[in-house]
Amino acid sequence: MYPIIPTFASVNYQFKYKMEITVRKPTEIEVAEMKSKPVWQCEVSEFDWYYDSEETCLIIEGDVTVKYDTESVSFTAGDYVIFPKGLSCVWQVKNPVKKYYVFK
């Protein structure tokens, strides 16, 4: 008698990609590149947002916390922020925000 060997077809694998927002200080080259991009601004508020493409932004002014899954990140003037495609989140704008942005 032969031993029973499970195959991949008989095993239920579930993988979930963990979305992460990157917040860091930009390089001088990134700052120069972002200054040629459009500017978006928003007053103090809270709203839901979904990213159907990746967004990179450079915060010019303001104070924001973004909540997603069980995580949250905060950023302020001078931060370089990358939001992944497919992210659902809640923006909490604590002080009016202004940013350069580009969608990829």
PDB file of N, CA and C in Angstrom:
ATOM      1  N   MET A   1       0.839  -1.173   0.000  1.00  0.00           N
ATOM      2  CA  MET A   1       0.000   0.000   0.000  1.00  0.00           C
ATOM      3  C   MET A   1       0.888   1.242   0.000  1.00  0.00           C
ATOM      4  N   TYR A   2       0.474   2.230  -0.763  1.00  0.00           N
ATOM      5  CA  TYR A   2       1.230   3.476  -0.880  1.00  0.00           C
ATOM      6  C   TYR A   2       0.769   4.496   0.160  1.00  0.00           C
ATOM      7  N   PRO A   3       1.684   5.321   0.678  1.00  0.00           N
ATOM      8  CA  PRO A   3       1.270   6.354   1.642  1.00  0.00           C
ATOM      9  C   PRO A   3       0.457   7.450   0.944  1.00  0.00           C
ATOM     10  N   ILE A   4      -0.431   8.069   1.688  1.00  0.00           N
ATOM     11  CA  ILE A   4      -1.234   9.169   1.137  1.00  0.00           C
ATOM     12  C   ILE A   4      -0.420  10.452   1.270  1.00  0.00           C
ATOM     13  N   ILE A   5      -0.200  11.110   0.157  1.00  0.00           N
ATOM     14  CA  ILE A   5       0.575  12.352   0.139  1.00  0.00           C
ATOM     15  C   ILE A   5      -0.347  13.482  -0.297  1.00  0.00           C
ATOM     16  N   PRO A   6      -0.526  14.483   0.564  1.00  0.00           N
ATOM     17  CA  PRO A   6      -1.419  15.585   0.169  1.00  0.00           C
ATOM     18  C   PRO A   6      -0.833  16.359  -1.008  1.00  0.00           C
ATOM     19  N   THR A   7      -1.712  16.817  -1.861  1.00  0.00           N
ATOM     20  CA  THR A   7      -1.277  17.656  -2.980  1.00  0.00           C
ATOM     21  C   THR A   7      -1.707  19.090  -2.707  1.00  0.00           C
ATOM     22  N   PHE A   8      -1.155  20.013  -3.482  1.00  0.00           N
ATOM     23  CA  PHE A   8      -1.521  21.412  -3.313  1.00  0.00           C
ATOM     24  C   PHE A   8      -3.009  21.624  -3.568  1.00  0.00           C
ATOM     25  N   ALA A   9      -3.602  20.815  -4.413  1.00  0.00           N
ATOM     26  CA  ALA A   9      -5.024  20.939  -4.712  1.00  0.00           C
ATOM     27  C   ALA A   9      -5.887  20.594  -3.506  1.00  0.00           C
ATOM     28  N   SER A  10      -5.348  19.794  -2.586  1.00  0.00           N
ATOM     29  CA  SER A  10      -6.145  19.381  -1.438  1.00  0.00           C
ATOM     30  C   SER A  10      -5.923  20.263  -0.208  1.00  0.00           C
ATOM     31  N   VAL A  11      -5.074  21.258  -0.327  1.00  0.00           N
ATOM     32  CA  VAL A  11      -4.773  22.139   0.804  1.00  0.00           C
ATOM     33  C   VAL A  11      -5.306  23.532   0.502  1.00  0.00           C
ATOM     34  N   ASN A  12      -5.988  24.113   1.450  1.00  0.00           N
ATOM     35  CA  ASN A  12      -6.556  25.448   1.272  1.00  0.00           C
ATOM     36  C   ASN A  12      -5.564  26.496   1.798  1.00  0.00           C
ATOM     37  N   TYR A  13      -4.864  27.163   0.900  1.00  0.00           N
ATOM     38  CA  TYR A  13      -3.923  28.206   1.275  1.00  0.00           C
ATOM     39  C   TYR A  13      -4.583  29.557   1.126  1.00  0.00           C
ATOM     40  N   GLN A  14      -4.443  30.395   2.116  1.00  0.00           N
ATOM     41  CA  GLN A  14      -4.962  31.754   2.023  1.00  0.00           C
ATOM     42  C   GLN A  14      -3.830  32.710   2.358  1.00  0.00           C
ATOM     43  N   PHE A  15      -3.527  33.574   1.418  1.00  0.00           N
ATOM     44  CA  PHE A  15      -2.486  34.567   1.622  1.00  0.00           C
ATOM     45  C   PHE A  15      -3.130  35.941   1.575  1.00  0.00           C
ATOM     46  N   LYS A  16      -2.785  36.771   2.502  1.00  0.00           N
ATOM     47  CA  LYS A  16      -3.291  38.135   2.499  1.00  0.00           C
ATOM     48  C   LYS A  16      -2.095  39.071   2.499  1.00  0.00           C
ATOM     49  N   TYR A  17      -2.032  39.916   1.476  1.00  0.00           N
ATOM     50  CA  TYR A  17      -0.951  40.885   1.388  1.00  0.00           C
ATOM     51  C   TYR A  17      -1.214  41.994   2.386  1.00  0.00           C
ATOM     52  N   LYS A  18      -0.269  42.256   3.241  1.00  0.00           N
ATOM     53  CA  LYS A  18      -0.435  43.309   4.232  1.00  0.00           C
ATOM     54  C   LYS A  18      -0.084  44.657   3.609  1.00  0.00           C
ATOM     55  N   MET A  19      -1.070  45.537   3.568  1.00  0.00           N
ATOM     56  CA  MET A  19      -0.866  46.883   3.047  1.00  0.00           C
ATOM     57  C   MET A  19      -0.085  47.696   4.072  1.00  0.00           C
ATOM     58  N   GLU A  20       0.870  48.460   3.594  1.00  0.00           N
ATOM     59  CA  GLU A  20       1.620  49.335   4.487  1.00  0.00           C
ATOM     60  C   GLU A  20       1.799  50.696   3.845  1.00  0.00           C
ATOM     61  N   ILE A  21       1.650  51.729   4.642  1.00  0.00           N
ATOM     62  CA  ILE A  21       1.917  53.091   4.215  1.00  0.00           C
ATOM     63  C   ILE A  21       3.344  53.411   4.625  1.00  0.00           C
ATOM     64  N   THR A  22       4.133  53.909   3.683  1.00  0.00           N
ATOM     65  CA  THR A  22       5.522  54.275   3.962  1.00  0.00           C
ATOM     66  C   THR A  22       5.596  55.761   4.271  1.00  0.00           C
ATOM     67  N   VAL A  23       6.211  56.104   5.400  1.00  0.00           N
ATOM     68  CA  VAL A  23       6.431  57.503   5.773  1.00  0.00           C
ATOM     69  C   VAL A  23       7.910  57.651   6.087  1.00  0.00           C
ATOM     70  N   ARG A  24       8.563  58.580   5.366  1.00  0.00           N
ATOM     71  CA  ARG A  24       9.988  58.797   5.589  1.00  0.00           C
ATOM     72  C   ARG A  24      10.355  60.202   5.140  1.00  0.00           C
ATOM     73  N   LYS A  25      11.586  60.584   5.390  1.00  0.00           N
ATOM     74  CA  LYS A  25      12.087  61.872   4.911  1.00  0.00           C
ATOM     75  C   LYS A  25      12.566  61.692   3.469  1.00  0.00           C
ATOM     76  N   PRO A  26      12.265  62.656   2.592  1.00  0.00           N
ATOM     77  CA  PRO A  26      12.655  62.525   1.189  1.00  0.00           C
ATOM     78  C   PRO A  26      14.116  62.885   0.952  1.00  0.00           C
ATOM     79  N   THR A  27      14.628  62.405  -0.175  1.00  0.00           N
ATOM     80  CA  THR A  27      15.962  62.828  -0.612  1.00  0.00           C
ATOM     81  C   THR A  27      15.816  64.200  -1.275  1.00  0.00           C
ATOM     82  N   GLU A  28      16.927  64.868  -1.505  1.00  0.00           N
ATOM     83  CA  GLU A  28      16.889  66.173  -2.184  1.00  0.00           C
ATOM     84  C   GLU A  28      16.312  66.026  -3.593  1.00  0.00           C
ATOM     85  N   ILE A  29      16.642  64.939  -4.266  1.00  0.00           N
ATOM     86  CA  ILE A  29      16.130  64.702  -5.623  1.00  0.00           C
ATOM     87  C   ILE A  29      14.610  64.511  -5.584  1.00  0.00           C
ATOM     88  N   GLU A  30      14.109  63.762  -4.609  1.00  0.00           N
ATOM     89  CA  GLU A  30      12.664  63.554  -4.479  1.00  0.00           C
ATOM     90  C   GLU A  30      11.939  64.869  -4.220  1.00  0.00           C
ATOM     91  N   VAL A  31      12.513  65.727  -3.378  1.00  0.00           N
ATOM     92  CA  VAL A  31      11.907  67.032  -3.101  1.00  0.00           C
ATOM     93  C   VAL A  31      11.813  67.840  -4.393  1.00  0.00           C
ATOM     94  N   ALA A  32      12.898  67.894  -5.154  1.00  0.00           N
ATOM     95  CA  ALA A  32      12.915  68.649  -6.409  1.00  0.00           C
ATOM     96  C   ALA A  32      11.876  68.102  -7.391  1.00  0.00           C
ATOM     97  N   GLU A  33      11.774  66.777  -7.502  1.00  0.00           N
ATOM     98  CA  GLU A  33      10.801  66.149  -8.401  1.00  0.00           C
ATOM     99  C   GLU A  33       9.368  66.450  -7.967  1.00  0.00           C
ATOM    100  N   MET A  34       9.095  66.368  -6.678  1.00  0.00           N
ATOM    101  CA  MET A  34       7.734  66.570  -6.183  1.00  0.00           C
ATOM    102  C   MET A  34       7.269  68.013  -6.347  1.00  0.00           C
ATOM    103  N   LYS A  35       8.189  68.955  -6.305  1.00  0.00           N
ATOM    104  CA  LYS A  35       7.802  70.367  -6.424  1.00  0.00           C
ATOM    105  C   LYS A  35       7.238  70.711  -7.801  1.00  0.00           C
ATOM    106  N   SER A  36       7.386  69.810  -8.772  1.00  0.00           N
ATOM    107  CA  SER A  36       6.804  70.031 -10.103  1.00  0.00           C
ATOM    108  C   SER A  36       5.422  69.374 -10.236  1.00  0.00           C
ATOM    109  N   LYS A  37       4.953  68.729  -9.184  1.00  0.00           N
ATOM    110  CA  LYS A  37       3.682  67.996  -9.211  1.00  0.00           C
ATOM    111  C   LYS A  37       2.533  68.889  -8.731  1.00  0.00           C
ATOM    112  N   PRO A  38       1.288  68.459  -8.978  1.00  0.00           N
ATOM    113  CA  PRO A  38       0.127  69.238  -8.516  1.00  0.00           C
ATOM    114  C   PRO A  38       0.087  69.312  -6.989  1.00  0.00           C
ATOM    115  N   VAL A  39      -0.666  70.293  -6.495  1.00  0.00           N
ATOM    116  CA  VAL A  39      -0.843  70.475  -5.054  1.00  0.00           C
ATOM    117  C   VAL A  39      -2.299  70.195  -4.700  1.00  0.00           C
ATOM    118  N   TRP A  40      -2.496  69.469  -3.611  1.00  0.00           N
ATOM    119  CA  TRP A  40      -3.832  69.191  -3.070  1.00  0.00           C
ATOM    120  C   TRP A  40      -3.858  69.710  -1.657  1.00  0.00           C
ATOM    121  N   GLN A  41      -4.993  70.262  -1.256  1.00  0.00           N
ATOM    122  CA  GLN A  41      -5.121  70.722   0.129  1.00  0.00           C
ATOM    123  C   GLN A  41      -6.497  70.399   0.685  1.00  0.00           C
ATOM    124  N   CYS A  42      -6.569  70.331   2.008  1.00  0.00           N
ATOM    125  CA  CYS A  42      -7.806  69.940   2.675  1.00  0.00           C
ATOM    126  C   CYS A  42      -7.833  70.569   4.065  1.00  0.00           C
ATOM    127  N   GLU A  43      -9.008  71.043   4.447  1.00  0.00           N
ATOM    128  CA  GLU A  43      -9.213  71.598   5.786  1.00  0.00           C
ATOM    129  C   GLU A  43      -9.357  70.466   6.806  1.00  0.00           C
ATOM    130  N   VAL A  44      -9.442  70.824   8.070  1.00  0.00           N
ATOM    131  CA  VAL A  44      -9.641  69.842   9.139  1.00  0.00           C
ATOM    132  C   VAL A  44     -10.899  69.029   8.827  1.00  0.00           C
ATOM    133  N   SER A  45     -10.758  67.715   8.800  1.00  0.00           N
ATOM    134  CA  SER A  45     -11.885  66.847   8.459  1.00  0.00           C
ATOM    135  C   SER A  45     -11.511  65.391   8.698  1.00  0.00           C
ATOM    136  N   GLU A  46     -12.493  64.514   8.484  1.00  0.00           N
ATOM    137  CA  GLU A  46     -12.262  63.072   8.530  1.00  0.00           C
ATOM    138  C   GLU A  46     -13.060  62.456   7.382  1.00  0.00           C
ATOM    139  N   PHE A  47     -12.407  61.573   6.609  1.00  0.00           N
ATOM    140  CA  PHE A  47     -13.097  60.968   5.475  1.00  0.00           C
ATOM    141  C   PHE A  47     -12.467  59.623   5.101  1.00  0.00           C
ATOM    142  N   ASP A  48     -13.278  58.765   4.487  1.00  0.00           N
ATOM    143  CA  ASP A  48     -12.819  57.475   3.970  1.00  0.00           C
ATOM    144  C   ASP A  48     -12.167  57.692   2.614  1.00  0.00           C
ATOM    145  N   TRP A  49     -11.156  56.865   2.300  1.00  0.00           N
ATOM    146  CA  TRP A  49     -10.493  56.965   1.006  1.00  0.00           C
ATOM    147  C   TRP A  49     -10.047  55.586   0.541  1.00  0.00           C
ATOM    148  N   TYR A  50     -10.096  55.377  -0.781  1.00  0.00           N
ATOM    149  CA  TYR A  50      -9.615  54.139  -1.385  1.00  0.00           C
ATOM    150  C   TYR A  50      -8.625  54.497  -2.482  1.00  0.00           C
ATOM    151  N   TYR A  51      -7.469  53.850  -2.490  1.00  0.00           N
ATOM    152  CA  TYR A  51      -6.437  54.096  -3.495  1.00  0.00           C
ATOM    153  C   TYR A  51      -6.527  53.054  -4.596  1.00  0.00           C
ATOM    154  N   ASP A  52      -7.003  53.477  -5.780  1.00  0.00           N
ATOM    155  CA  ASP A  52      -7.065  52.543  -6.901  1.00  0.00           C
ATOM    156  C   ASP A  52      -5.767  52.536  -7.690  1.00  0.00           C
ATOM    157  N   SER A  53      -4.816  53.372  -7.269  1.00  0.00           N
ATOM    158  CA  SER A  53      -3.439  53.329  -7.785  1.00  0.00           C
ATOM    159  C   SER A  53      -2.524  53.859  -6.684  1.00  0.00           C
ATOM    160  N   GLU A  54      -1.240  53.584  -6.814  1.00  0.00           N
ATOM    161  CA  GLU A  54      -0.279  54.042  -5.810  1.00  0.00           C
ATOM    162  C   GLU A  54      -0.167  55.563  -5.845  1.00  0.00           C
ATOM    163  N   GLU A  55      -0.103  56.175  -4.674  1.00  0.00           N
ATOM    164  CA  GLU A  55       0.110  57.618  -4.589  1.00  0.00           C
ATOM    165  C   GLU A  55       1.384  57.893  -3.793  1.00  0.00           C
ATOM    166  N   THR A  56       2.178  58.814  -4.304  1.00  0.00           N
ATOM    167  CA  THR A  56       3.338  59.317  -3.581  1.00  0.00           C
ATOM    168  C   THR A  56       3.096  60.797  -3.339  1.00  0.00           C
ATOM    169  N   CYS A  57       3.360  61.253  -2.129  1.00  0.00           N
ATOM    170  CA  CYS A  57       3.158  62.676  -1.847  1.00  0.00           C
ATOM    171  C   CYS A  57       4.235  63.209  -0.906  1.00  0.00           C
ATOM    172  N   LEU A  58       4.424  64.515  -0.983  1.00  0.00           N
ATOM    173  CA  LEU A  58       5.336  65.241  -0.102  1.00  0.00           C
ATOM    174  C   LEU A  58       4.474  66.251   0.650  1.00  0.00           C
ATOM    175  N   ILE A  59       4.444  66.133   1.953  1.00  0.00           N
ATOM    176  CA  ILE A  59       3.604  67.000   2.775  1.00  0.00           C
ATOM    177  C   ILE A  59       4.274  68.369   2.909  1.00  0.00           C
ATOM    178  N   ILE A  60       3.538  69.401   2.517  1.00  0.00           N
ATOM    179  CA  ILE A  60       4.043  70.773   2.590  1.00  0.00           C
ATOM    180  C   ILE A  60       3.714  71.372   3.950  1.00  0.00           C
ATOM    181  N   GLU A  61       2.486  71.142   4.405  1.00  0.00           N
ATOM    182  CA  GLU A  61       2.075  71.613   5.728  1.00  0.00           C
ATOM    183  C   GLU A  61       0.915  70.762   6.215  1.00  0.00           C
ATOM    184  N   GLY A  62       0.664  70.814   7.521  1.00  0.00           N
ATOM    185  CA  GLY A  62      -0.465  70.099   8.097  1.00  0.00           C
ATOM    186  C   GLY A  62      -0.064  68.959   9.012  1.00  0.00           C
ATOM    187  N   ASP A  63      -1.090  68.314   9.531  1.00  0.00           N
ATOM    188  CA  ASP A  63      -0.927  67.213  10.477  1.00  0.00           C
ATOM    189  C   ASP A  63      -2.050  66.218  10.212  1.00  0.00           C
ATOM    190  N   VAL A  64      -1.694  64.993   9.841  1.00  0.00           N
ATOM    191  CA  VAL A  64      -2.675  63.991   9.431  1.00  0.00           C
ATOM    192  C   VAL A  64      -2.364  62.645  10.094  1.00  0.00           C
ATOM    193  N   THR A  65      -3.414  61.926  10.440  1.00  0.00           N
ATOM    194  CA  THR A  65      -3.305  60.520  10.840  1.00  0.00           C
ATOM    195  C   THR A  65      -4.184  59.732   9.881  1.00  0.00           C
ATOM    196  N   VAL A  66      -3.643  58.650   9.352  1.00  0.00           N
ATOM    197  CA  VAL A  66      -4.399  57.767   8.461  1.00  0.00           C
ATOM    198  C   VAL A  66      -4.505  56.414   9.145  1.00  0.00           C
ATOM    199  N   LYS A  67      -5.751  55.923   9.267  1.00  0.00           N
ATOM    200  CA  LYS A  67      -6.010  54.625   9.894  1.00  0.00           C
ATOM    201  C   LYS A  67      -6.401  53.617   8.822  1.00  0.00           C
ATOM    202  N   TYR A  68      -5.843  52.404   8.935  1.00  0.00           N
ATOM    203  CA  TYR A  68      -6.143  51.323   7.988  1.00  0.00           C
ATOM    204  C   TYR A  68      -5.919  49.996   8.679  1.00  0.00           C
ATOM    205  N   ASP A  69      -6.736  49.017   8.336  1.00  0.00           N
ATOM    206  CA  ASP A  69      -6.697  47.718   9.008  1.00  0.00           C
ATOM    207  C   ASP A  69      -6.670  47.964  10.513  1.00  0.00           C
ATOM    208  N   THR A  70      -5.662  47.466  11.188  1.00  0.00           N
ATOM    209  CA  THR A  70      -5.515  47.718  12.632  1.00  0.00           C
ATOM    210  C   THR A  70      -4.358  48.677  12.896  1.00  0.00           C
ATOM    211  N   GLU A  71      -3.893  49.339  11.862  1.00  0.00           N
ATOM    212  CA  GLU A  71      -2.727  50.215  11.949  1.00  0.00           C
ATOM    213  C   GLU A  71      -3.134  51.684  11.810  1.00  0.00           C
ATOM    214  N   SER A  72      -2.207  52.567  12.161  1.00  0.00           N
ATOM    215  CA  SER A  72      -2.366  53.988  11.860  1.00  0.00           C
ATOM    216  C   SER A  72      -0.976  54.597  11.731  1.00  0.00           C
ATOM    217  N   VAL A  73      -0.889  55.613  10.872  1.00  0.00           N
ATOM    218  CA  VAL A  73       0.353  56.363  10.702  1.00  0.00           C
ATOM    219  C   VAL A  73       0.018  57.838  10.744  1.00  0.00           C
ATOM    220  N   SER A  74       0.961  58.618  11.240  1.00  0.00           N
ATOM    221  CA  SER A  74       0.803  60.067  11.275  1.00  0.00           C
ATOM    222  C   SER A  74       1.947  60.692  10.499  1.00  0.00           C
ATOM    223  N   PHE A  75       1.662  61.818   9.869  1.00  0.00           N
ATOM    224  CA  PHE A  75       2.706  62.529   9.138  1.00  0.00           C
ATOM    225  C   PHE A  75       2.421  64.020   9.154  1.00  0.00           C
ATOM    226  N   THR A  76       3.475  64.769   8.871  1.00  0.00           N
ATOM    227  CA  THR A  76       3.414  66.221   8.956  1.00  0.00           C
ATOM    228  C   THR A  76       4.359  66.825   7.912  1.00  0.00           C
ATOM    229  N   ALA A  77       4.494  68.140   7.934  1.00  0.00           N
ATOM    230  CA  ALA A  77       5.320  68.844   6.949  1.00  0.00           C
ATOM    231  C   ALA A  77       6.707  68.218   6.825  1.00  0.00           C
ATOM    232  N   GLY A  78       7.134  68.016   5.570  1.00  0.00           N
ATOM    233  CA  GLY A  78       8.452  67.461   5.302  1.00  0.00           C
ATOM    234  C   GLY A  78       8.476  65.960   5.108  1.00  0.00           C
ATOM    235  N   ASP A  79       7.372  65.282   5.386  1.00  0.00           N
ATOM    236  CA  ASP A  79       7.330  63.827   5.224  1.00  0.00           C
ATOM    237  C   ASP A  79       7.010  63.443   3.785  1.00  0.00           C
ATOM    238  N   TYR A  80       7.614  62.343   3.345  1.00  0.00           N
ATOM    239  CA  TYR A  80       7.411  61.742   2.029  1.00  0.00           C
ATOM    240  C   TYR A  80       6.593  60.489   2.282  1.00  0.00           C
ATOM    241  N   VAL A  81       5.408  60.408   1.700  1.00  0.00           N
ATOM    242  CA  VAL A  81       4.469  59.343   2.038  1.00  0.00           C
ATOM    243  C   VAL A  81       4.080  58.575   0.774  1.00  0.00           C
ATOM    244  N   ILE A  82       4.071  57.238   0.880  1.00  0.00           N
ATOM    245  CA  ILE A  82       3.672  56.387  -0.240  1.00  0.00           C
ATOM    246  C   ILE A  82       2.502  55.514   0.212  1.00  0.00           C
ATOM    247  N   PHE A  83       1.369  55.653  -0.507  1.00  0.00           N
ATOM    248  CA  PHE A  83       0.170  54.873  -0.239  1.00  0.00           C
ATOM    249  C   PHE A  83       0.064  53.775  -1.295  1.00  0.00           C
ATOM    250  N   PRO A  84      -0.049  52.505  -0.889  1.00  0.00           N
ATOM    251  CA  PRO A  84      -0.106  51.413  -1.874  1.00  0.00           C
ATOM    252  C   PRO A  84      -1.455  51.325  -2.590  1.00  0.00           C
ATOM    253  N   LYS A  85      -1.404  50.833  -3.802  1.00  0.00           N
ATOM    254  CA  LYS A  85      -2.619  50.564  -4.572  1.00  0.00           C
ATOM    255  C   LYS A  85      -3.463  49.547  -3.821  1.00  0.00           C
ATOM    256  N   GLY A  86      -4.779  49.795  -3.772  1.00  0.00           N
ATOM    257  CA  GLY A  86      -5.689  48.862  -3.119  1.00  0.00           C
ATOM    258  C   GLY A  86      -5.971  49.167  -1.657  1.00  0.00           C
ATOM    259  N   LEU A  87      -5.351  50.208  -1.112  1.00  0.00           N
ATOM    260  CA  LEU A  87      -5.514  50.550   0.300  1.00  0.00           C
ATOM    261  C   LEU A  87      -6.851  51.249   0.545  1.00  0.00           C
ATOM    262  N   SER A  88      -7.590  50.781   1.545  1.00  0.00           N
ATOM    263  CA  SER A  88      -8.780  51.467   2.060  1.00  0.00           C
ATOM    264  C   SER A  88      -8.394  52.034   3.415  1.00  0.00           C
ATOM    265  N   CYS A  89      -8.727  53.297   3.644  1.00  0.00           N
ATOM    266  CA  CYS A  89      -8.287  53.933   4.886  1.00  0.00           C
ATOM    267  C   CYS A  89      -9.217  55.069   5.283  1.00  0.00           C
ATOM    268  N   VAL A  90      -8.947  55.634   6.449  1.00  0.00           N
ATOM    269  CA  VAL A  90      -9.666  56.804   6.937  1.00  0.00           C
ATOM    270  C   VAL A  90      -8.639  57.889   7.216  1.00  0.00           C
ATOM    271  N   TRP A  91      -8.819  59.023   6.559  1.00  0.00           N
ATOM    272  CA  TRP A  91      -7.958  60.188   6.787  1.00  0.00           C
ATOM    273  C   TRP A  91      -8.545  61.018   7.926  1.00  0.00           C
ATOM    274  N   GLN A  92      -7.696  61.381   8.889  1.00  0.00           N
ATOM    275  CA  GLN A  92      -8.062  62.311   9.954  1.00  0.00           C
ATOM    276  C   GLN A  92      -7.125  63.512   9.829  1.00  0.00           C
ATOM    277  N   VAL A  93      -7.643  64.582   9.226  1.00  0.00           N
ATOM    278  CA  VAL A  93      -6.853  65.798   9.030  1.00  0.00           C
ATOM    279  C   VAL A  93      -7.010  66.645  10.285  1.00  0.00           C
ATOM    280  N   LYS A  94      -5.933  66.719  11.077  1.00  0.00           N
ATOM    281  CA  LYS A  94      -5.988  67.398  12.369  1.00  0.00           C
ATOM    282  C   LYS A  94      -5.685  68.887  12.249  1.00  0.00           C
ATOM    283  N   ASN A  95      -4.793  69.234  11.306  1.00  0.00           N
ATOM    284  CA  ASN A  95      -4.493  70.621  10.952  1.00  0.00           C
ATOM    285  C   ASN A  95      -4.508  70.672   9.433  1.00  0.00           C
ATOM    286  N   PRO A  96      -5.014  71.758   8.835  1.00  0.00           N
ATOM    287  CA  PRO A  96      -5.130  71.813   7.376  1.00  0.00           C
ATOM    288  C   PRO A  96      -3.863  71.294   6.690  1.00  0.00           C
ATOM    289  N   VAL A  97      -4.076  70.425   5.690  1.00  0.00           N
ATOM    290  CA  VAL A  97      -2.958  69.777   5.010  1.00  0.00           C
ATOM    291  C   VAL A  97      -2.832  70.303   3.586  1.00  0.00           C
ATOM    292  N   LYS A  98      -1.582  70.369   3.145  1.00  0.00           N
ATOM    293  CA  LYS A  98      -1.248  70.754   1.775  1.00  0.00           C
ATOM    294  C   LYS A  98      -0.124  69.832   1.350  1.00  0.00           C
ATOM    295  N   LYS A  99      -0.260  69.248   0.136  1.00  0.00           N
ATOM    296  CA  LYS A  99       0.747  68.285  -0.292  1.00  0.00           C
ATOM    297  C   LYS A  99       0.939  68.332  -1.813  1.00  0.00           C
ATOM    298  N   TYR A 100       2.157  67.994  -2.245  1.00  0.00           N
ATOM    299  CA  TYR A 100       2.412  67.691  -3.648  1.00  0.00           C
ATOM    300  C   TYR A 100       2.067  66.213  -3.800  1.00  0.00           C
ATOM    301  N   TYR A 101       1.524  65.826  -4.950  1.00  0.00           N
ATOM    302  CA  TYR A 101       1.150  64.427  -5.093  1.00  0.00           C
ATOM    303  C   TYR A 101       1.304  63.959  -6.537  1.00  0.00           C
ATOM    304  N   VAL A 102       1.462  62.633  -6.673  1.00  0.00           N
ATOM    305  CA  VAL A 102       1.484  61.992  -7.988  1.00  0.00           C
ATOM    306  C   VAL A 102       0.948  60.568  -7.826  1.00  0.00           C
ATOM    307  N   PHE A 103       0.079  60.174  -8.774  1.00  0.00           N
ATOM    308  CA  PHE A 103      -0.439  58.812  -8.807  1.00  0.00           C
ATOM    309  C   PHE A 103       0.322  58.044  -9.864  1.00  0.00           C
ATOM    310  N   LYS A 104       0.647  56.783  -9.585  1.00  0.00           N
ATOM    311  CA  LYS A 104       1.404  55.951 -10.530  1.00  0.00           C
ATOM    312  C   LYS A 104       0.543  54.809 -11.017  1.00  0.00           C
TER     313      LYS A 104
END
